[in-house]
Amino acid sequence: MRSALRMLRTRLTLAIATCAAVLLVAAVPAGAAQNLTGFPATFPKAAALCAKAGKGKLGKKLAPSKGKVLAACAKLRQSYSDALTTLLATTDPLRLQMKAIVKAQRDACLLARRNRDRLGCRNAQLDARAKLAPLRGQIVAAQKVARTSYEQARRTFWATVRKLRGGAGLSPDAPPGETPVADVPQDSDLDQG
């Protein structure tokens, strides 16, 4: 009976330790994986307020609510990071696909020039434009989703901060603009043949 009880305690301790280790390992990448590229440009006033809160330099009225401001900042950063990560996960494969289309068109035009076939290059250019247009549409749709997420996070942040003592007088950030997706090939990148 004692050995069975000891065995049960050992198994329970091992199970708890394993769960704790898994949770600890899972929690570390989540905090470290935040992508805050462009955060200060998207939310300049919120970023400045968060920096002040982090340094403990909030105004007299808002200083007692430092913990709540820091929690709102953490939530805003996480929401921004999640939206940006989703945007990049959606647009990165599209950009690579677009670059491949441009490269294939340039190669086709090079071959057409070697064969003195002006119509071949023109057809490759028209085909590439037709393939690029829907991909650009998908990028625009992903940007709209990101902008909606940013706007929701902005509203939540400022609603939280403005409810705090000393926060009512703070002016919120303007709604975020279009999130640029870098390095998207344009029709001007196509070989004109």
Protein backbone atom coordinates (compact mmCIF):
# COMPACT_ATOMS: atom_id res chain seq x y z
CA MET A 1 0.00 0.00 0.00
CA ARG A 2 2.81 2.40 0.91
CA SER A 3 4.74 1.66 -2.27
CA ALA A 4 1.60 2.21 -4.35
CA LEU A 5 1.02 5.54 -2.62
CA ARG A 6 4.67 6.52 -3.09
CA MET A 7 4.45 5.55 -6.76
CA LEU A 8 1.29 7.64 -7.19
CA ARG A 9 2.96 10.67 -5.56
CA THR A 10 6.01 10.26 -7.77
CA ARG A 11 3.90 10.05 -10.91
CA LEU A 12 1.83 13.04 -9.86
CA THR A 13 4.97 15.08 -9.13
CA LEU A 14 6.46 14.11 -12.49
CA ALA A 15 3.23 14.99 -14.28
CA ILE A 16 3.08 18.41 -12.59
CA ALA A 17 6.76 19.08 -13.33
CA THR A 18 6.30 18.09 -16.96
CA CYS A 19 3.25 20.33 -17.34
CA ALA A 20 5.08 23.22 -15.72
CA ALA A 21 8.08 22.74 -18.01
CA VAL A 22 5.85 22.63 -21.09
CA LEU A 23 4.02 25.78 -20.01
CA LEU A 24 7.29 27.55 -19.26
CA VAL A 25 8.76 26.62 -22.64
CA ALA A 26 5.55 27.64 -24.41
CA ALA A 27 5.39 30.97 -22.57
CA VAL A 28 8.92 32.06 -23.42
CA PRO A 29 8.55 32.09 -27.22
CA ALA A 30 5.17 33.83 -27.02
CA GLY A 31 6.67 36.85 -25.26
CA ALA A 32 9.85 36.79 -27.29
CA ALA A 33 8.04 36.39 -30.60
CA GLN A 34 6.43 39.83 -30.64
CA ASN A 35 6.99 41.66 -33.88
CA LEU A 36 6.79 45.38 -33.12
CA THR A 37 8.25 46.64 -36.40
CA GLY A 38 6.49 49.93 -37.12
CA PHE A 39 4.68 50.06 -33.77
CA PRO A 40 5.79 53.64 -32.91
CA ALA A 41 4.82 54.84 -36.40
CA THR A 42 1.39 53.21 -36.21
CA PHE A 43 0.62 54.36 -32.65
CA PRO A 44 2.96 57.32 -31.95
CA LYS A 45 1.06 58.71 -28.94
CA ALA A 46 0.42 55.29 -27.40
CA ALA A 47 4.07 54.30 -27.92
CA ALA A 48 5.22 57.51 -26.21
CA LEU A 49 2.81 56.96 -23.30
CA CYS A 50 3.96 53.35 -22.96
CA ALA A 51 7.60 54.47 -22.95
CA LYS A 52 6.83 57.00 -20.21
CA ALA A 53 5.00 54.36 -18.19
CA GLY A 54 7.92 51.98 -18.58
CA LYS A 55 10.30 54.63 -17.28
CA GLY A 56 7.90 55.62 -14.47
CA LYS A 57 7.50 59.16 -15.84
CA LEU A 58 3.71 59.41 -16.06
CA GLY A 59 2.00 62.60 -14.89
CA LYS A 60 1.00 63.01 -11.23
CA LYS A 61 -2.62 62.03 -11.81
CA LEU A 62 -1.87 59.04 -14.04
CA ALA A 63 1.13 57.76 -12.04
CA PRO A 64 -0.98 55.77 -9.52
CA SER A 65 -2.44 53.83 -12.48
CA LYS A 66 0.97 52.86 -13.85
CA GLY A 67 0.20 49.13 -13.61
CA LYS A 68 -3.03 49.51 -15.58
CA VAL A 69 -1.28 51.62 -18.22
CA LEU A 70 1.48 49.03 -18.55
CA ALA A 71 -1.12 46.25 -18.86
CA ALA A 72 -2.95 48.22 -21.58
CA CYS A 73 0.39 48.79 -23.34
CA ALA A 74 1.20 45.09 -23.21
CA LYS A 75 -2.20 44.24 -24.66
CA LEU A 76 -1.80 46.85 -27.43
CA ARG A 77 1.67 45.56 -28.31
CA GLN A 78 0.43 41.96 -28.39
CA SER A 79 -2.56 42.87 -30.56
CA TYR A 80 -0.30 44.81 -32.94
CA SER A 81 2.21 41.97 -33.07
CA ASP A 82 -0.50 39.39 -33.75
CA ALA A 83 -2.03 41.48 -36.56
CA LEU A 84 1.38 42.20 -38.10
CA THR A 85 2.40 38.54 -37.89
CA THR A 86 -0.83 37.51 -39.60
CA LEU A 87 -0.31 40.16 -42.28
CA LEU A 88 3.23 39.00 -42.98
CA ALA A 89 2.23 35.34 -42.96
CA THR A 90 -0.39 36.14 -45.58
CA THR A 91 1.63 38.50 -47.76
CA ASP A 92 5.11 36.93 -47.71
CA PRO A 93 4.14 33.92 -49.86
CA LEU A 94 2.22 36.22 -52.20
CA ARG A 95 5.25 38.49 -52.63
CA LEU A 96 7.46 35.50 -53.39
CA GLN A 97 4.93 34.26 -55.92
CA MET A 98 4.82 37.71 -57.52
CA LYS A 99 8.62 37.84 -57.76
CA ALA A 100 8.60 34.44 -59.45
CA ILE A 101 6.03 35.70 -61.98
CA VAL A 102 8.17 38.77 -62.74
CA LYS A 103 11.29 36.61 -63.10
CA ALA A 104 9.48 34.19 -65.43
CA GLN A 105 8.27 37.11 -67.55
CA ARG A 106 11.75 38.60 -67.77
CA ASP A 107 13.18 35.21 -68.73
CA ALA A 108 10.49 34.81 -71.40
CA CYS A 109 11.29 38.25 -72.79
CA LEU A 110 15.00 37.47 -72.84
CA LEU A 111 14.31 34.28 -74.77
CA ALA A 112 11.92 36.12 -77.09
CA ARG A 113 14.60 38.74 -77.82
CA ARG A 114 17.11 36.03 -78.62
CA ASN A 115 14.60 34.52 -81.02
CA ARG A 116 13.61 37.97 -82.34
CA ASP A 117 10.02 37.42 -81.25
CA ARG A 118 8.56 40.75 -80.07
CA LEU A 119 5.08 39.26 -79.80
CA GLY A 120 6.36 36.54 -77.44
CA CYS A 121 7.60 39.13 -74.95
CA ARG A 122 4.40 41.15 -75.23
CA ASN A 123 2.30 38.03 -74.56
CA ALA A 124 4.48 37.12 -71.55
CA GLN A 125 4.01 40.65 -70.22
CA LEU A 126 0.22 40.50 -70.59
CA ASP A 127 0.16 37.07 -68.94
CA ALA A 128 2.29 38.31 -66.03
CA ARG A 129 0.03 41.33 -65.49
CA ALA A 130 -3.01 39.07 -65.45
CA LYS A 131 -1.35 36.83 -62.84
CA LEU A 132 -0.12 39.73 -60.67
CA ALA A 133 -3.48 41.54 -60.39
CA PRO A 134 -5.31 38.99 -58.21
CA LEU A 135 -2.26 38.59 -55.96
CA ARG A 136 -2.22 42.35 -55.40
CA GLY A 137 -5.90 42.12 -54.53
CA GLN A 138 -5.13 39.52 -51.88
CA ILE A 139 -2.43 41.77 -50.42
CA VAL A 140 -4.86 44.71 -50.29
CA ALA A 141 -7.44 42.49 -48.52
CA ALA A 142 -4.81 41.38 -45.97
CA GLN A 143 -3.87 45.02 -45.37
CA LYS A 144 -7.52 45.89 -44.67
CA VAL A 145 -7.77 43.06 -42.14
CA ALA A 146 -4.59 44.28 -40.43
CA ARG A 147 -5.83 47.87 -40.39
CA THR A 148 -9.12 46.74 -38.81
CA SER A 149 -7.20 44.84 -36.12
CA TYR A 150 -4.97 47.84 -35.44
CA GLU A 151 -7.99 50.12 -35.17
CA GLN A 152 -9.75 47.80 -32.73
CA ALA A 153 -6.60 47.56 -30.60
CA ARG A 154 -6.18 51.35 -30.69
CA ARG A 155 -9.76 51.95 -29.56
CA THR A 156 -9.49 49.41 -26.75
CA PHE A 157 -6.20 50.90 -25.54
CA TRP A 158 -7.41 54.48 -25.47
CA ALA A 159 -10.77 53.55 -23.94
CA THR A 160 -8.87 51.86 -21.11
CA VAL A 161 -6.39 54.71 -20.61
CA ARG A 162 -8.98 57.49 -20.82
CA LYS A 163 -11.06 55.85 -18.06
CA LEU A 164 -8.12 56.15 -15.66
CA ARG A 165 -7.69 59.13 -13.38
CA GLY A 166 -5.52 61.59 -15.31
CA GLY A 167 -6.09 59.84 -18.63
CA ALA A 168 -9.25 61.62 -19.77
CA GLY A 169 -7.32 64.63 -21.06
CA LEU A 170 -4.95 62.61 -23.22
CA SER A 171 -5.53 62.84 -26.94
CA PRO A 172 -5.62 59.45 -28.66
CA ASP A 173 -3.76 58.39 -31.77
CA ALA A 174 -5.43 58.93 -35.10
CA PRO A 175 -6.76 55.80 -36.77
CA PRO A 176 -3.91 53.88 -38.38
CA GLY A 177 -3.36 54.22 -42.08
CA GLU A 178 -2.57 51.55 -44.61
CA THR A 179 0.08 49.10 -43.49
CA PRO A 180 2.75 49.07 -46.16
CA VAL A 181 3.81 45.72 -47.50
CA ALA A 182 7.40 46.10 -48.59
CA ASP A 183 8.92 44.77 -51.76
CA VAL A 184 5.73 44.10 -53.75
CA PRO A 185 6.55 43.89 -57.48
CA GLN A 186 4.70 46.40 -59.65
CA ASP A 187 3.83 46.25 -63.34
CA SER A 188 6.71 48.65 -63.94
CA ASP A 189 9.06 45.86 -62.81
CA LEU A 190 8.07 43.77 -65.82
CA ASP A 191 10.44 43.64 -68.77
CA GLN A 192 9.06 46.01 -71.41
CA GLY A 193 10.66 43.98 -74.24
